[in-house]
Protein backbone atom coordinates (compact mmCIF):
# COMPACT_ATOMS: atom_id res chain seq x y z
CA MET A 1 -9.61 15.83 25.40
CA VAL A 2 -9.27 14.97 21.76
CA SER A 3 -10.64 12.36 19.86
CA SER A 4 -9.20 10.03 17.83
CA GLU A 5 -11.42 10.98 14.58
CA GLN A 6 -9.41 14.55 16.00
CA ARG A 7 -5.83 13.28 16.25
CA ARG A 8 -6.55 11.43 12.80
CA LYS A 9 -7.33 14.57 10.91
CA GLN A 10 -4.91 16.94 12.93
CA LEU A 11 -2.05 14.23 11.54
CA ALA A 12 -3.51 14.14 7.95
CA ARG A 13 -3.93 17.89 8.04
CA GLU A 14 -0.10 18.18 8.36
CA LYS A 15 1.28 15.25 6.36
CA PHE A 16 -0.72 17.43 3.43
CA LEU A 17 0.95 20.92 4.69
CA ARG A 18 4.65 18.56 4.22
CA GLN A 19 3.57 18.00 1.01
CA GLN A 20 2.66 21.41 -0.03
CA GLU A 21 6.16 22.77 1.36
CA ARG A 22 8.34 20.53 -0.22
CA ARG A 23 5.95 21.07 -3.53
CA ALA A 24 7.41 24.77 -3.05
CA ASP A 25 10.45 24.15 -2.44
CA ALA A 26 10.61 22.22 -5.27
CA ARG A 27 9.33 24.96 -7.22
CA ARG A 28 12.09 26.78 -5.82
CA LYS A 29 14.94 25.23 -6.96
CA ALA A 30 13.33 24.36 -10.51
CA ARG A 31 13.75 28.46 -11.12
CA ILE A 32 17.29 28.36 -10.08
CA ARG A 33 18.34 25.93 -12.42
CA ASN A 34 16.54 27.97 -15.02
CA SER A 35 17.04 31.17 -16.35
CA LEU A 36 14.15 31.27 -18.27
CA ILE A 37 9.77 31.09 -17.20
CA ALA A 38 8.20 28.49 -19.43
CA ALA A 39 5.40 30.57 -21.87
CA GLY A 40 2.65 30.56 -20.30
CA MET A 41 3.89 31.20 -16.57
CA ALA A 42 4.56 35.10 -16.17
CA LEU A 43 1.86 37.19 -14.83
CA ALA A 44 0.72 39.72 -15.93
CA LEU A 45 -0.31 42.54 -13.05
CA ALA A 46 -3.90 43.46 -12.93
CA ALA A 47 -4.76 47.46 -12.87
CA GLY A 48 -3.95 48.70 -9.05
CA GLY A 49 -0.93 45.35 -8.26
CA ALA A 50 -3.28 42.67 -8.02
CA TYR A 51 -2.70 39.37 -9.39
CA ALA A 52 -4.32 38.55 -12.26
CA ALA A 53 -5.54 35.21 -12.46
CA THR A 54 -3.95 33.82 -15.13
CA GLY A 55 -4.18 29.75 -15.64
CA GLY A 56 -4.91 27.42 -16.30
CA LEU A 57 -4.10 30.35 -13.86
CA ASN A 58 -1.23 28.20 -14.77
CA GLY A 59 -1.07 30.55 -12.10
CA ASP A 60 1.68 32.82 -10.87
CA GLU A 61 3.96 30.22 -9.72
CA GLU A 62 6.36 32.93 -9.05
CA SER A 63 4.37 35.05 -6.76
CA LYS A 64 3.21 31.83 -5.18
CA GLU A 65 7.00 31.11 -4.52
CA ASN A 66 7.77 34.84 -3.57
CA ALA A 67 4.89 34.62 -0.57
CA ALA A 68 5.87 30.98 0.26
CA ASP A 69 9.89 33.09 0.64
CA LYS A 70 8.35 34.86 2.96
CA PRO A 71 8.17 34.53 6.74
CA ASN A 72 4.35 34.06 6.58
CA LYS A 73 2.91 31.90 9.50
CA PRO A 74 0.06 28.83 8.25
CA SER A 75 -3.19 29.85 9.58
CA LYS A 76 -4.58 27.75 12.12
CA ALA A 77 -8.07 27.52 11.76
CA PRO A 78 -9.76 24.59 11.66
CA ASP A 79 -10.23 22.59 8.51
CA PRO A 80 -14.35 23.04 7.99
CA CYS A 81 -14.03 20.41 5.40
CA ASP A 82 -14.91 16.74 5.25
CA ASP A 83 -12.31 13.78 4.41
CA PRO A 84 -11.65 13.29 0.32
CA ALA A 85 -14.03 10.70 -1.43
CA LYS A 86 -12.03 7.79 -2.32
CA GLY A 87 -10.48 8.36 -5.85
CA LYS A 88 -8.21 10.08 -8.09
CA PRO A 89 -8.27 11.93 -10.86
CA ASN A 90 -8.61 10.38 -14.36
CA GLY A 91 -5.83 12.89 -15.97
CA LYS A 92 -8.32 11.80 -19.43
CA GLN A 93 -6.51 14.35 -22.19
CA TRP A 94 -8.03 15.23 -25.66
CA GLU A 95 -6.34 17.04 -28.79
CA LYS A 96 -9.38 19.17 -30.02
CA GLU A 97 -12.28 20.81 -28.16
CA PRO A 98 -15.19 18.83 -28.36
CA LYS A 99 -18.15 19.32 -31.01
CA LEU A 100 -20.58 22.31 -29.46
CA ALA A 101 -23.20 20.03 -28.24
CA ILE A 102 -25.36 22.02 -26.51
CA ASP A 103 -28.55 24.06 -26.48
CA GLU A 104 -27.27 27.85 -26.46
CA SER A 105 -31.01 28.91 -24.90
CA ALA A 106 -31.43 26.12 -22.92
CA SER A 107 -29.95 27.12 -19.01
CA TYR A 108 -27.48 24.74 -17.54
CA GLU A 109 -26.12 24.33 -14.02
CA MET A 110 -22.66 22.36 -12.45
CA THR A 111 -22.77 21.53 -9.63
CA LEU A 112 -19.42 21.26 -7.63
CA GLN A 113 -19.70 18.69 -4.75
CA THR A 114 -16.82 19.27 -2.65
CA THR A 115 -15.79 17.84 0.67
CA CYS A 116 -16.96 21.37 1.52
CA GLY A 117 -19.94 21.51 0.71
CA ASP A 118 -21.75 21.62 -2.69
CA ILE A 119 -21.19 24.71 -4.47
CA PRO A 120 -24.14 24.88 -7.62
CA ILE A 121 -23.49 27.25 -10.48
CA GLU A 122 -25.27 28.56 -12.86
CA MET A 123 -24.19 28.65 -15.96
CA ASP A 124 -24.65 31.47 -19.28
CA ALA A 125 -25.05 29.02 -22.19
CA GLU A 126 -26.05 32.16 -24.99
CA LYS A 127 -23.47 34.64 -23.62
CA ALA A 128 -20.56 31.62 -23.22
CA PRO A 129 -21.41 28.70 -25.22
CA HIS A 130 -18.05 26.86 -25.85
CA THR A 131 -17.16 27.29 -22.07
CA VAL A 132 -20.39 25.94 -20.89
CA ASN A 133 -19.90 22.55 -23.62
CA SER A 134 -16.14 21.70 -22.82
CA PHE A 135 -17.50 22.13 -19.01
CA ARG A 136 -20.23 19.89 -19.31
CA PHE A 137 -17.96 17.31 -22.12
CA LEU A 138 -15.52 17.49 -19.27
CA ALA A 139 -18.10 16.99 -16.16
CA ASP A 140 -19.33 14.18 -18.24
CA GLU A 141 -15.88 12.21 -18.55
CA LYS A 142 -15.78 13.05 -15.12
CA PHE A 143 -12.46 15.17 -15.22
CA PHE A 144 -12.94 16.67 -12.21
CA ASP A 145 -14.34 14.05 -10.16
CA HIS A 146 -11.26 13.89 -7.84
CA THR A 147 -9.55 17.19 -8.10
CA PRO A 148 -8.24 19.96 -5.84
CA CYS A 149 -9.03 23.75 -5.31
CA HIS A 150 -5.27 24.40 -5.11
CA ARG A 151 -4.87 28.53 -4.87
CA LEU A 152 -6.77 30.62 -2.67
CA THR A 153 -6.39 34.86 -2.87
CA THR A 154 -7.31 36.80 -0.26
CA ASP A 155 -5.30 39.70 -1.39
CA LYS A 156 -7.22 42.99 -0.93
CA GLN A 157 -7.91 43.48 -4.76
CA LEU A 158 -8.11 40.05 -5.54
CA GLY A 159 -10.39 37.33 -3.91
CA VAL A 160 -10.97 34.01 -5.82
CA LEU A 161 -10.70 30.36 -5.56
CA GLN A 162 -9.32 28.44 -8.14
CA CYS A 163 -10.03 24.74 -9.23
CA GLY A 164 -9.12 22.32 -12.20
CA ASP A 165 -6.70 21.80 -12.08
CA PRO A 166 -6.23 17.10 -11.97
CA THR A 167 -2.20 17.92 -10.65
CA GLY A 168 -3.19 20.21 -8.35
CA ARG A 169 0.19 22.36 -8.93
CA GLY A 170 -1.64 25.14 -11.42
CA MET A 171 -0.32 24.06 -15.25
CA GLY A 172 -2.45 20.93 -15.63
CA GLY A 173 -5.43 21.18 -18.25
CA PRO A 174 -7.30 18.78 -20.61
CA GLY A 175 -4.94 19.48 -23.62
CA TYR A 176 -7.12 21.27 -25.49
CA THR A 177 -7.87 25.25 -25.45
CA ILE A 178 -11.36 27.10 -25.79
CA PRO A 179 -12.22 30.67 -26.94
CA ASP A 180 -12.71 33.41 -25.03
CA GLU A 181 -15.92 34.51 -24.58
CA ASN A 182 -18.46 37.21 -23.02
CA LEU A 183 -15.86 39.55 -22.38
CA ASP A 184 -18.06 42.44 -22.90
CA ASP A 185 -19.82 41.87 -19.85
CA PRO A 186 -21.54 44.91 -18.65
CA ARG A 187 -20.67 43.29 -15.15
CA LEU A 188 -17.20 43.68 -16.25
CA LYS A 189 -17.51 47.27 -16.10
CA GLY A 190 -14.70 48.71 -14.68
CA GLY A 191 -12.17 46.02 -14.53
CA VAL A 192 -14.22 44.43 -11.40
CA TYR A 193 -15.38 40.77 -11.28
CA PRO A 194 -18.04 40.82 -9.22
CA ALA A 195 -18.56 38.69 -6.19
CA GLY A 196 -20.32 35.35 -7.13
CA THR A 197 -18.52 35.34 -10.48
CA VAL A 198 -17.13 31.92 -12.10
CA ALA A 199 -14.42 32.76 -14.74
CA MET A 200 -12.18 30.82 -16.87
CA ALA A 201 -7.94 30.81 -15.87
CA ASN A 202 -5.75 31.18 -19.08
CA THR A 203 -2.13 31.32 -19.34
CA GLY A 204 -2.65 35.27 -20.13
CA LYS A 205 -2.84 34.46 -24.09
CA LYS A 206 -5.60 34.67 -25.98
CA ASP A 207 -7.67 32.15 -26.27
CA SER A 208 -5.66 29.96 -24.00
CA GLY A 209 -8.29 28.74 -21.30
CA GLY A 210 -8.85 25.17 -20.57
CA SER A 211 -10.56 22.93 -17.52
CA GLN A 212 -8.90 25.54 -15.16
CA PHE A 213 -11.83 28.31 -13.48
CA PHE A 214 -11.89 30.95 -10.36
CA LEU A 215 -14.40 31.46 -8.02
CA VAL A 216 -14.52 34.80 -6.99
CA HIS A 217 -15.26 35.11 -3.47
CA LYS A 218 -15.11 38.71 -2.89
CA LYS A 219 -15.46 41.96 -5.68
CA SER A 220 -11.96 41.55 -7.41
CA LYS A 221 -9.77 43.54 -9.93
CA LEU A 222 -8.79 42.41 -12.85
CA PRO A 223 -8.68 43.14 -16.03
CA PRO A 224 -11.56 41.40 -18.35
CA LYS A 225 -9.35 39.15 -19.97
CA TYR A 226 -11.36 35.83 -18.32
CA THR A 227 -14.37 34.45 -19.95
CA PRO A 228 -17.13 34.93 -16.93
CA PHE A 229 -19.41 32.48 -17.61
CA GLY A 230 -21.05 31.44 -14.74
CA THR A 231 -22.65 32.68 -11.33
CA VAL A 232 -21.95 30.88 -7.68
CA SER A 233 -25.70 30.19 -5.95
CA GLU A 234 -25.87 31.97 -2.32
CA SER A 235 -26.14 28.80 -0.91
CA GLY A 236 -22.37 27.73 -2.60
CA MET A 237 -21.58 31.03 -1.60
CA LYS A 238 -22.11 30.44 1.62
CA VAL A 239 -19.44 26.78 0.90
CA LEU A 240 -17.37 29.71 -0.23
CA GLN A 241 -17.06 31.75 2.53
CA LYS A 242 -16.65 29.02 4.79
CA ILE A 243 -13.27 28.00 2.51
CA VAL A 244 -12.11 31.48 2.77
CA LYS A 245 -12.26 32.11 6.57
CA ALA A 246 -10.16 28.69 7.09
CA GLY A 247 -7.42 30.49 5.29
CA THR A 248 -4.30 29.90 3.26
CA ALA A 249 -2.24 27.06 4.40
CA ASN A 250 1.16 28.91 4.21
CA GLY A 251 -0.60 32.18 6.06
CA ALA A 252 0.50 34.10 2.95
CA PRO A 253 -2.38 35.81 0.77
CA ASP A 254 -2.24 33.39 -1.58
CA GLY A 255 -1.58 30.01 -1.94
CA PRO A 256 -3.07 26.45 -0.96
CA PRO A 257 -5.95 26.66 0.83
CA ASN A 258 -6.03 26.03 4.50
CA ALA A 259 -9.23 23.61 4.41
CA THR A 260 -8.84 20.53 2.01
CA VAL A 261 -11.09 21.79 -1.13
CA MET A 262 -11.94 18.79 -3.56
CA ILE A 263 -13.69 18.13 -5.58
CA ASP A 264 -15.55 14.51 -5.30
CA LYS A 265 -17.53 14.69 -8.25
CA ALA A 266 -18.87 17.55 -10.83
CA ARG A 267 -22.33 17.26 -12.68
CA VAL A 268 -23.72 19.29 -15.51
CA THR A 269 -27.21 19.19 -15.49
CA LYS A 270 -29.60 21.05 -18.77
CA GLY A 271 -32.81 23.23 -16.97
């Protein structure tokens, strides 16, 4: 017998899926109305045909729309995550990148307290100082609090969970951009981002990263154009795999996660 709590969660999930379907429909209509795709929306294909993680993965909106057009079946996997904490994104904006104020020789850890569990991330301040500095600033400003992880890819060559957009549509950011860093990291040899890598999303143009980032849940083919700045802990990878196992809401290899992945709180601490 289904409990009242289970029924409540089921109804909430159905409402969420309806909202995603309406958003996909609105994007398709907008694409028809506009003959040109705005700068930063086009997605460069990675070697081997994989989708590139663009950004703010402003995202491959066109690919997501096309995926939504196909007769995919929504995931029937149960939602493994809890209800989000009460609150909404603060939507703060800034004109300029924050002044560099971190100790590049120190260790920093970002913890994403999500509805699916905590995801600790060890950040590399020495190799990506501007990126780590920006994340510390945004976390201190509570910019990431109550924001969704809006995109999950499970393609054979690309497996990422994308977060960091307060709008939840793949086009939001903090109002400023930061420079690309650490693109010569030896871990990216051969156009591969290893599982556990945390990297910046961008528009495909140089130095266009903002607040959106992606967590690599399996070895992914991508050109070295997306700043790698952190590594997910072992416990964080277990949370990430739980999210991946639930699949996408639209049943496609690229779409909103079926799991209700919300960042209730993000904090950066100095080791």
